[in-house]
N, C-alpha and C. Protein backbone atom coordinates (compact mmCIF):
# COMPACT_ATOMS: atom_id res chain seq x y z
N MET A 1 16.84 35.05 58.03
CA MET A 1 16.62 33.75 58.64
C MET A 1 16.87 32.64 57.64
N VAL A 2 16.29 32.77 56.43
CA VAL A 2 16.46 31.75 55.40
C VAL A 2 17.92 31.65 55.00
N GLU A 3 18.61 32.80 54.94
CA GLU A 3 20.03 32.78 54.59
C GLU A 3 20.83 32.03 55.64
N ALA A 4 20.48 32.24 56.93
CA ALA A 4 21.20 31.57 58.00
C ALA A 4 21.03 30.06 57.92
N ILE A 5 19.79 29.64 57.64
CA ILE A 5 19.54 28.20 57.54
C ILE A 5 20.25 27.61 56.33
N SER A 6 20.18 28.29 55.19
CA SER A 6 20.85 27.76 54.01
C SER A 6 22.36 27.78 54.16
N ALA A 7 22.90 28.79 54.86
CA ALA A 7 24.34 28.82 55.10
C ALA A 7 24.76 27.68 56.00
N ARG A 8 23.93 27.39 57.01
CA ARG A 8 24.24 26.31 57.92
C ARG A 8 24.19 24.96 57.20
N THR A 9 23.17 24.75 56.37
CA THR A 9 23.04 23.46 55.69
C THR A 9 24.01 23.35 54.52
N SER A 10 24.34 24.46 53.87
CA SER A 10 25.26 24.35 52.74
C SER A 10 26.69 24.09 53.20
N SER A 11 26.99 24.44 54.47
CA SER A 11 28.33 24.15 54.97
C SER A 11 28.49 22.67 55.29
N ARG A 12 27.39 21.90 55.31
CA ARG A 12 27.45 20.48 55.61
C ARG A 12 26.62 19.70 54.61
N PRO A 13 26.95 19.80 53.31
CA PRO A 13 26.10 19.14 52.33
C PRO A 13 26.24 17.62 52.30
N ARG A 14 27.45 17.11 52.59
CA ARG A 14 27.67 15.66 52.49
C ARG A 14 26.91 14.92 53.57
N GLY A 15 26.03 14.03 53.15
CA GLY A 15 25.30 13.20 54.11
C GLY A 15 24.13 13.90 54.77
N ALA A 16 23.82 15.13 54.39
CA ALA A 16 22.74 15.87 55.04
C ALA A 16 21.40 15.15 54.91
N TYR A 17 21.15 14.57 53.75
CA TYR A 17 19.89 13.88 53.52
C TYR A 17 19.74 12.69 54.49
N LEU A 18 20.77 11.87 54.60
CA LEU A 18 20.70 10.71 55.49
C LEU A 18 20.63 11.14 56.96
N LEU A 19 21.33 12.21 57.31
CA LEU A 19 21.27 12.69 58.69
C LEU A 19 19.85 13.13 59.04
N ARG A 20 19.20 13.75 58.10
CA ARG A 20 17.81 14.18 58.35
C ARG A 20 16.88 12.97 58.44
N ILE A 21 17.09 11.97 57.61
CA ILE A 21 16.29 10.75 57.68
C ILE A 21 16.46 10.09 59.05
N ILE A 22 17.70 10.00 59.51
CA ILE A 22 17.98 9.42 60.82
C ILE A 22 17.33 10.28 61.91
N GLY A 23 17.41 11.61 61.77
CA GLY A 23 16.78 12.51 62.72
C GLY A 23 15.28 12.29 62.80
N ILE A 24 14.64 12.15 61.65
CA ILE A 24 13.21 11.89 61.61
C ILE A 24 12.89 10.55 62.29
N PHE A 25 13.70 9.54 61.98
CA PHE A 25 13.54 8.22 62.59
C PHE A 25 13.62 8.31 64.11
N LYS A 26 14.58 9.08 64.62
CA LYS A 26 14.74 9.24 66.07
C LYS A 26 13.54 9.96 66.68
N VAL A 27 13.02 10.98 66.01
CA VAL A 27 11.87 11.73 66.53
C VAL A 27 10.63 10.84 66.53
N VAL A 28 10.45 10.04 65.48
CA VAL A 28 9.30 9.12 65.42
C VAL A 28 9.42 8.10 66.55
N LYS A 29 10.62 7.58 66.77
CA LYS A 29 10.84 6.61 67.84
C LYS A 29 10.53 7.23 69.20
N ALA A 30 10.97 8.46 69.39
CA ALA A 30 10.71 9.17 70.65
C ALA A 30 9.21 9.37 70.86
N THR A 31 8.51 9.73 69.81
CA THR A 31 7.06 9.92 69.90
C THR A 31 6.37 8.62 70.30
N ALA A 32 6.80 7.51 69.69
CA ALA A 32 6.22 6.20 70.03
C ALA A 32 6.48 5.86 71.50
N LEU A 33 7.67 6.19 71.99
CA LEU A 33 7.99 5.91 73.38
C LEU A 33 7.16 6.75 74.34
N VAL A 34 6.90 8.00 73.98
CA VAL A 34 6.04 8.86 74.82
C VAL A 34 4.63 8.27 74.87
N ILE A 35 4.12 7.85 73.74
CA ILE A 35 2.80 7.23 73.70
C ILE A 35 2.77 5.97 74.56
N ALA A 36 3.81 5.15 74.45
CA ALA A 36 3.88 3.93 75.26
C ALA A 36 3.95 4.26 76.75
N ALA A 37 4.72 5.27 77.11
CA ALA A 37 4.85 5.66 78.52
C ALA A 37 3.50 6.14 79.07
N ILE A 38 2.79 6.92 78.29
CA ILE A 38 1.47 7.39 78.73
C ILE A 38 0.51 6.21 78.89
N ALA A 39 0.59 5.25 77.96
CA ALA A 39 -0.26 4.07 78.07
C ALA A 39 0.07 3.28 79.34
N VAL A 40 1.34 3.16 79.66
CA VAL A 40 1.75 2.45 80.88
C VAL A 40 1.24 3.17 82.11
N LEU A 41 1.34 4.52 82.11
CA LEU A 41 0.84 5.28 83.27
C LEU A 41 -0.67 5.11 83.42
N LYS A 42 -1.37 5.01 82.31
CA LYS A 42 -2.82 4.80 82.38
C LYS A 42 -3.16 3.43 82.98
N LEU A 43 -2.28 2.45 82.76
CA LEU A 43 -2.51 1.12 83.31
C LEU A 43 -2.49 1.13 84.84
N ILE A 44 -1.74 2.05 85.42
CA ILE A 44 -1.64 2.11 86.88
C ILE A 44 -3.01 2.32 87.50
N HIS A 45 -3.83 3.13 86.86
CA HIS A 45 -5.15 3.47 87.43
C HIS A 45 -6.30 2.76 86.72
N SER A 46 -5.99 1.63 86.10
CA SER A 46 -7.02 0.89 85.36
C SER A 46 -7.15 -0.52 85.92
N ASP A 47 -8.26 -1.12 85.58
CA ASP A 47 -8.45 -2.53 85.86
C ASP A 47 -7.73 -3.27 84.73
N ILE A 48 -6.55 -3.77 85.01
CA ILE A 48 -5.69 -4.36 83.99
C ILE A 48 -6.35 -5.55 83.29
N THR A 49 -7.06 -6.34 84.05
CA THR A 49 -7.75 -7.48 83.47
C THR A 49 -8.74 -7.03 82.42
N GLU A 50 -9.49 -5.98 82.74
CA GLU A 50 -10.48 -5.45 81.79
C GLU A 50 -9.78 -4.87 80.55
N VAL A 51 -8.66 -4.18 80.75
CA VAL A 51 -7.91 -3.60 79.62
C VAL A 51 -7.44 -4.70 78.67
N ILE A 52 -6.87 -5.77 79.23
CA ILE A 52 -6.38 -6.88 78.39
C ILE A 52 -7.54 -7.55 77.66
N GLU A 53 -8.65 -7.73 78.34
CA GLU A 53 -9.81 -8.34 77.69
C GLU A 53 -10.34 -7.45 76.57
N ASN A 54 -10.33 -6.14 76.76
CA ASN A 54 -10.74 -5.22 75.70
C ASN A 54 -9.80 -5.31 74.50
N TRP A 55 -8.48 -5.38 74.78
CA TRP A 55 -7.52 -5.51 73.69
C TRP A 55 -7.74 -6.82 72.95
N ALA A 56 -8.00 -7.88 73.71
CA ALA A 56 -8.25 -9.20 73.09
C ALA A 56 -9.44 -9.12 72.15
N ARG A 57 -10.52 -8.49 72.61
CA ARG A 57 -11.70 -8.33 71.75
C ARG A 57 -11.38 -7.46 70.53
N LEU A 58 -10.60 -6.41 70.74
CA LEU A 58 -10.22 -5.52 69.65
C LEU A 58 -9.47 -6.29 68.55
N PHE A 59 -8.61 -7.23 68.96
CA PHE A 59 -7.83 -8.03 68.01
C PHE A 59 -8.49 -9.37 67.68
N HIS A 60 -9.76 -9.48 68.05
CA HIS A 60 -10.57 -10.68 67.76
C HIS A 60 -9.96 -11.96 68.36
N ILE A 61 -9.52 -11.85 69.60
CA ILE A 61 -9.02 -12.99 70.34
C ILE A 61 -10.02 -13.26 71.45
N ALA A 62 -10.46 -14.47 71.57
CA ALA A 62 -11.44 -14.81 72.60
C ALA A 62 -10.84 -14.56 73.97
N PRO A 63 -11.55 -13.84 74.86
CA PRO A 63 -11.01 -13.50 76.17
C PRO A 63 -10.59 -14.70 77.03
N GLY A 64 -11.18 -15.85 76.88
CA GLY A 64 -10.85 -16.99 77.72
C GLY A 64 -9.73 -17.87 77.21
N THR A 65 -9.09 -17.51 76.10
CA THR A 65 -8.04 -18.36 75.53
C THR A 65 -6.83 -18.41 76.45
N PRO A 66 -6.05 -19.48 76.35
CA PRO A 66 -4.88 -19.62 77.22
C PRO A 66 -3.87 -18.46 77.07
N VAL A 67 -3.74 -17.91 75.88
CA VAL A 67 -2.80 -16.81 75.67
C VAL A 67 -3.22 -15.59 76.48
N VAL A 68 -4.51 -15.26 76.42
CA VAL A 68 -5.02 -14.10 77.16
C VAL A 68 -4.92 -14.35 78.65
N GLU A 69 -5.30 -15.54 79.08
CA GLU A 69 -5.21 -15.88 80.50
C GLU A 69 -3.78 -15.80 81.02
N HIS A 70 -2.84 -16.29 80.24
CA HIS A 70 -1.43 -16.22 80.61
C HIS A 70 -0.95 -14.76 80.72
N LEU A 71 -1.38 -13.95 79.77
CA LEU A 71 -1.02 -12.53 79.79
C LEU A 71 -1.59 -11.85 81.01
N VAL A 72 -2.84 -12.11 81.32
CA VAL A 72 -3.47 -11.52 82.51
C VAL A 72 -2.69 -11.95 83.76
N GLU A 73 -2.35 -13.22 83.83
CA GLU A 73 -1.60 -13.75 84.98
C GLU A 73 -0.27 -13.01 85.16
N LYS A 74 0.46 -12.85 84.06
CA LYS A 74 1.77 -12.19 84.09
C LYS A 74 1.64 -10.72 84.48
N VAL A 75 0.69 -10.02 83.86
CA VAL A 75 0.54 -8.59 84.10
C VAL A 75 0.07 -8.30 85.52
N LEU A 76 -0.74 -9.17 86.07
CA LEU A 76 -1.21 -8.96 87.44
C LEU A 76 -0.09 -9.06 88.47
N MET A 77 1.02 -9.67 88.08
CA MET A 77 2.17 -9.78 88.97
C MET A 77 3.00 -8.49 88.98
N VAL A 78 2.76 -7.59 88.03
CA VAL A 78 3.51 -6.34 87.94
C VAL A 78 2.87 -5.34 88.91
N THR A 79 3.73 -4.70 89.73
CA THR A 79 3.21 -3.74 90.71
C THR A 79 3.04 -2.36 90.07
N HIS A 80 2.29 -1.51 90.77
CA HIS A 80 2.12 -0.12 90.29
C HIS A 80 3.47 0.59 90.22
N ARG A 81 4.32 0.31 91.16
CA ARG A 81 5.66 0.93 91.18
C ARG A 81 6.45 0.51 89.95
N GLN A 82 6.37 -0.77 89.57
CA GLN A 82 7.09 -1.25 88.38
C GLN A 82 6.54 -0.59 87.11
N PHE A 83 5.23 -0.41 87.04
CA PHE A 83 4.65 0.31 85.90
C PHE A 83 5.18 1.74 85.85
N PHE A 84 5.23 2.38 87.03
CA PHE A 84 5.70 3.77 87.09
C PHE A 84 7.16 3.86 86.66
N VAL A 85 8.00 2.95 87.15
CA VAL A 85 9.43 2.95 86.77
C VAL A 85 9.56 2.71 85.28
N LEU A 86 8.79 1.78 84.73
CA LEU A 86 8.83 1.53 83.28
C LEU A 86 8.46 2.79 82.51
N ALA A 87 7.41 3.47 82.94
CA ALA A 87 7.01 4.72 82.26
C ALA A 87 8.11 5.77 82.31
N MET A 88 8.79 5.90 83.45
CA MET A 88 9.86 6.89 83.56
C MET A 88 11.05 6.53 82.67
N VAL A 89 11.36 5.25 82.58
CA VAL A 89 12.45 4.81 81.68
C VAL A 89 12.07 5.11 80.22
N LEU A 90 10.82 4.85 79.87
CA LEU A 90 10.35 5.16 78.51
C LEU A 90 10.43 6.65 78.23
N PHE A 91 10.04 7.48 79.20
CA PHE A 91 10.14 8.93 79.03
C PHE A 91 11.61 9.36 78.88
N ALA A 92 12.52 8.75 79.65
CA ALA A 92 13.94 9.09 79.57
C ALA A 92 14.51 8.75 78.19
N TYR A 93 14.19 7.55 77.71
CA TYR A 93 14.64 7.18 76.37
C TYR A 93 14.03 8.10 75.31
N ALA A 94 12.77 8.47 75.50
CA ALA A 94 12.12 9.38 74.55
C ALA A 94 12.85 10.72 74.52
N ALA A 95 13.21 11.23 75.69
CA ALA A 95 13.93 12.50 75.75
C ALA A 95 15.26 12.41 75.01
N MET A 96 15.98 11.30 75.23
CA MET A 96 17.26 11.10 74.55
C MET A 96 17.06 11.07 73.03
N PHE A 97 16.05 10.34 72.57
CA PHE A 97 15.80 10.24 71.13
C PHE A 97 15.34 11.58 70.55
N PHE A 98 14.53 12.34 71.31
CA PHE A 98 14.12 13.66 70.82
C PHE A 98 15.33 14.57 70.68
N ILE A 99 16.22 14.56 71.66
CA ILE A 99 17.41 15.40 71.61
C ILE A 99 18.27 15.01 70.40
N GLU A 100 18.51 13.72 70.23
CA GLU A 100 19.30 13.26 69.08
C GLU A 100 18.63 13.66 67.77
N GLY A 101 17.35 13.35 67.66
CA GLY A 101 16.62 13.59 66.42
C GLY A 101 16.58 15.06 66.04
N ILE A 102 16.24 15.90 66.99
CA ILE A 102 16.18 17.34 66.71
C ILE A 102 17.56 17.88 66.39
N GLY A 103 18.57 17.41 67.13
CA GLY A 103 19.95 17.83 66.85
C GLY A 103 20.38 17.43 65.44
N LEU A 104 20.03 16.21 65.03
CA LEU A 104 20.37 15.76 63.67
C LEU A 104 19.62 16.57 62.63
N LEU A 105 18.35 16.85 62.89
CA LEU A 105 17.56 17.65 61.93
C LEU A 105 18.15 19.05 61.81
N MET A 106 18.74 19.56 62.88
CA MET A 106 19.35 20.89 62.85
C MET A 106 20.80 20.83 62.37
N MET A 107 21.25 19.60 62.01
CA MET A 107 22.60 19.38 61.47
C MET A 107 23.69 19.76 62.47
N LYS A 108 23.49 19.42 63.74
CA LYS A 108 24.44 19.72 64.79
C LYS A 108 25.45 18.58 64.91
N HIS A 109 26.73 18.96 64.94
CA HIS A 109 27.81 17.96 65.02
C HIS A 109 27.72 17.16 66.33
N TRP A 110 27.39 17.84 67.44
CA TRP A 110 27.29 17.13 68.72
C TRP A 110 26.22 16.05 68.67
N ALA A 111 25.14 16.28 67.90
CA ALA A 111 24.07 15.27 67.80
C ALA A 111 24.56 14.03 67.08
N GLU A 112 25.45 14.22 66.12
CA GLU A 112 26.02 13.06 65.42
C GLU A 112 26.82 12.22 66.41
N TRP A 113 27.67 12.88 67.21
CA TRP A 113 28.45 12.16 68.20
C TRP A 113 27.55 11.48 69.23
N MET A 114 26.55 12.21 69.71
CA MET A 114 25.64 11.65 70.71
C MET A 114 24.94 10.41 70.16
N THR A 115 24.52 10.48 68.90
CA THR A 115 23.82 9.35 68.30
C THR A 115 24.75 8.16 68.12
N VAL A 116 25.98 8.40 67.73
CA VAL A 116 26.94 7.31 67.60
C VAL A 116 27.13 6.63 68.95
N ILE A 117 27.32 7.42 69.99
CA ILE A 117 27.61 6.88 71.32
C ILE A 117 26.41 6.13 71.87
N THR A 118 25.24 6.76 71.82
CA THR A 118 24.05 6.11 72.42
C THR A 118 23.59 4.90 71.62
N THR A 119 23.63 5.01 70.30
CA THR A 119 23.20 3.87 69.48
C THR A 119 24.16 2.70 69.65
N SER A 120 25.45 2.98 69.63
CA SER A 120 26.44 1.90 69.82
C SER A 120 26.33 1.30 71.22
N GLY A 121 26.07 2.14 72.19
CA GLY A 121 25.98 1.65 73.57
C GLY A 121 24.80 0.73 73.82
N LEU A 122 23.76 0.88 73.02
CA LEU A 122 22.57 0.04 73.21
C LEU A 122 22.63 -1.28 72.43
N ILE A 123 23.57 -1.41 71.51
CA ILE A 123 23.65 -2.62 70.68
C ILE A 123 23.90 -3.89 71.50
N PRO A 124 24.78 -3.87 72.52
CA PRO A 124 24.95 -5.10 73.31
C PRO A 124 23.65 -5.59 73.95
N PHE A 125 22.81 -4.66 74.41
CA PHE A 125 21.52 -5.05 75.00
C PHE A 125 20.60 -5.65 73.94
N GLU A 126 20.67 -5.09 72.73
CA GLU A 126 19.86 -5.64 71.64
C GLU A 126 20.32 -7.03 71.26
N VAL A 127 21.63 -7.25 71.26
CA VAL A 127 22.17 -8.58 70.95
C VAL A 127 21.69 -9.58 72.02
N TYR A 128 21.79 -9.18 73.28
CA TYR A 128 21.34 -10.04 74.38
C TYR A 128 19.87 -10.40 74.20
N GLU A 129 19.04 -9.39 73.94
CA GLU A 129 17.60 -9.63 73.75
C GLU A 129 17.35 -10.55 72.56
N LEU A 130 18.10 -10.32 71.48
CA LEU A 130 17.91 -11.12 70.28
C LEU A 130 18.30 -12.59 70.51
N ILE A 131 19.31 -12.80 71.31
CA ILE A 131 19.74 -14.18 71.63
C ILE A 131 18.71 -14.87 72.51
N HIS A 132 18.21 -14.14 73.53
CA HIS A 132 17.32 -14.78 74.51
C HIS A 132 15.85 -14.79 74.09
N ARG A 133 15.42 -13.79 73.35
CA ARG A 133 14.02 -13.74 72.90
C ARG A 133 13.99 -13.22 71.46
N PRO A 134 14.41 -14.05 70.51
CA PRO A 134 14.51 -13.56 69.13
C PRO A 134 13.14 -13.32 68.48
N THR A 135 13.05 -12.18 67.79
CA THR A 135 11.89 -11.89 66.95
C THR A 135 12.42 -11.16 65.72
N VAL A 136 11.62 -11.16 64.69
CA VAL A 136 11.99 -10.49 63.44
C VAL A 136 12.11 -8.97 63.68
N VAL A 137 11.21 -8.44 64.48
CA VAL A 137 11.22 -6.99 64.76
C VAL A 137 12.51 -6.61 65.49
N LYS A 138 12.90 -7.40 66.50
CA LYS A 138 14.13 -7.11 67.24
C LYS A 138 15.34 -7.21 66.32
N GLY A 139 15.35 -8.21 65.45
CA GLY A 139 16.45 -8.36 64.50
C GLY A 139 16.53 -7.19 63.53
N ALA A 140 15.39 -6.77 63.02
CA ALA A 140 15.36 -5.63 62.10
C ALA A 140 15.80 -4.36 62.81
N ALA A 141 15.33 -4.15 64.03
CA ALA A 141 15.71 -2.94 64.79
C ALA A 141 17.21 -2.93 65.04
N MET A 142 17.77 -4.10 65.36
CA MET A 142 19.20 -4.16 65.61
C MET A 142 19.99 -3.86 64.33
N VAL A 143 19.56 -4.40 63.20
CA VAL A 143 20.24 -4.13 61.93
C VAL A 143 20.19 -2.64 61.60
N VAL A 144 19.03 -2.02 61.79
CA VAL A 144 18.91 -0.58 61.52
C VAL A 144 19.82 0.22 62.45
N ASN A 145 19.83 -0.12 63.73
CA ASN A 145 20.68 0.61 64.68
C ASN A 145 22.16 0.42 64.39
N ILE A 146 22.56 -0.77 64.00
CA ILE A 146 23.98 -1.01 63.65
C ILE A 146 24.33 -0.20 62.40
N ALA A 147 23.44 -0.19 61.43
CA ALA A 147 23.69 0.58 60.20
C ALA A 147 23.81 2.07 60.52
N ILE A 148 22.93 2.59 61.38
CA ILE A 148 22.99 4.00 61.77
C ILE A 148 24.30 4.29 62.49
N ALA A 149 24.68 3.44 63.42
CA ALA A 149 25.91 3.66 64.18
C ALA A 149 27.14 3.65 63.27
N ILE A 150 27.20 2.69 62.35
CA ILE A 150 28.34 2.62 61.43
C ILE A 150 28.36 3.83 60.52
N TYR A 151 27.22 4.15 59.93
CA TYR A 151 27.16 5.30 59.03
C TYR A 151 27.60 6.58 59.75
N LEU A 152 27.03 6.83 60.93
CA LEU A 152 27.38 8.07 61.63
C LEU A 152 28.83 8.08 62.11
N ALA A 153 29.35 6.94 62.53
CA ALA A 153 30.75 6.88 62.97
C ALA A 153 31.68 7.22 61.80
N VAL A 154 31.42 6.65 60.63
CA VAL A 154 32.22 6.95 59.44
C VAL A 154 32.02 8.41 59.03
N HIS A 155 30.78 8.87 59.05
CA HIS A 155 30.49 10.26 58.69
C HIS A 155 31.20 11.25 59.61
N VAL A 156 31.11 11.02 60.91
CA VAL A 156 31.74 11.92 61.89
C VAL A 156 33.26 11.89 61.72
N ARG A 157 33.81 10.69 61.54
CA ARG A 157 35.26 10.57 61.34
C ARG A 157 35.71 11.32 60.09
N ASN A 158 35.00 11.14 58.99
CA ASN A 158 35.36 11.83 57.74
C ASN A 158 35.20 13.35 57.87
N GLU A 159 34.15 13.76 58.55
CA GLU A 159 33.91 15.19 58.74
C GLU A 159 34.99 15.81 59.62
N THR A 160 35.41 15.10 60.66
CA THR A 160 36.47 15.57 61.55
C THR A 160 37.79 15.64 60.78
N ARG A 161 38.06 14.62 59.98
CA ARG A 161 39.29 14.60 59.18
C ARG A 161 39.29 15.77 58.18
N ALA A 162 38.18 16.04 57.53
CA ALA A 162 38.08 17.15 56.58
C ALA A 162 38.28 18.49 57.28
N ALA A 163 37.71 18.61 58.49
CA ALA A 163 37.86 19.88 59.23
C ALA A 163 39.30 20.08 59.64
N LYS A 164 40.01 19.01 60.04
CA LYS A 164 41.44 19.13 60.39
C LYS A 164 42.27 19.51 59.19
N GLN A 165 41.96 18.92 58.03
CA GLN A 165 42.69 19.28 56.81
C GLN A 165 42.45 20.73 56.44
N ALA A 166 41.23 21.19 56.58
CA ALA A 166 40.91 22.57 56.29
C ALA A 166 41.63 23.52 57.25
N ASP A 167 41.72 23.13 58.52
CA ASP A 167 42.43 23.95 59.51
C ASP A 167 43.94 24.00 59.22
N SER A 168 44.49 22.87 58.76
CA SER A 168 45.93 22.86 58.48
C SER A 168 46.27 23.65 57.24
N ILE A 169 45.32 23.73 56.29
CA ILE A 169 45.53 24.52 55.07
C ILE A 169 45.31 26.00 55.35
N ASN A 170 44.34 26.30 56.18
CA ASN A 170 43.98 27.71 56.47
C ASN A 170 43.94 27.95 57.96
N PRO A 171 45.12 28.04 58.63
CA PRO A 171 45.14 28.20 60.10
C PRO A 171 45.00 29.68 60.51
N ASN A 172 43.80 30.24 60.54
CA ASN A 172 43.61 31.67 60.87
C ASN A 172 44.18 31.94 62.21
């Protein structure tokens, strides 16, 4: 078993460390999304006003402040169906990130391609969000995702080029 793992990882030494870091990042992101989805599902069967007031107290915000009142107003407009759809979308994204992350941790070539495609595909939405509702967190997330997409695209291209050269030198 150990020989199989070391043979698999030794055949792909270039960039293995960064691929594993990206894989861990994807798994952590997926875990956070699962937690968020569960929290959203719990909101369906909760008194939302009470939940927001508890959060306000937890963060030492007076329950009657305009910010809390505005949040309560906005959240009360969200239907149970919308909460359910949001939770399902969060679970779907979590599944995608788990697949990418585990694939990268296992050093699978398909996971590199999947990550390039999905990460690049989400960048336009991140740009839109950053333009319309800019925050430091959104900006940082977009920079990280662009860096991951560029790194993996270059890595996959170089790896594919090296494999083609090896095949042309040794065409069994």
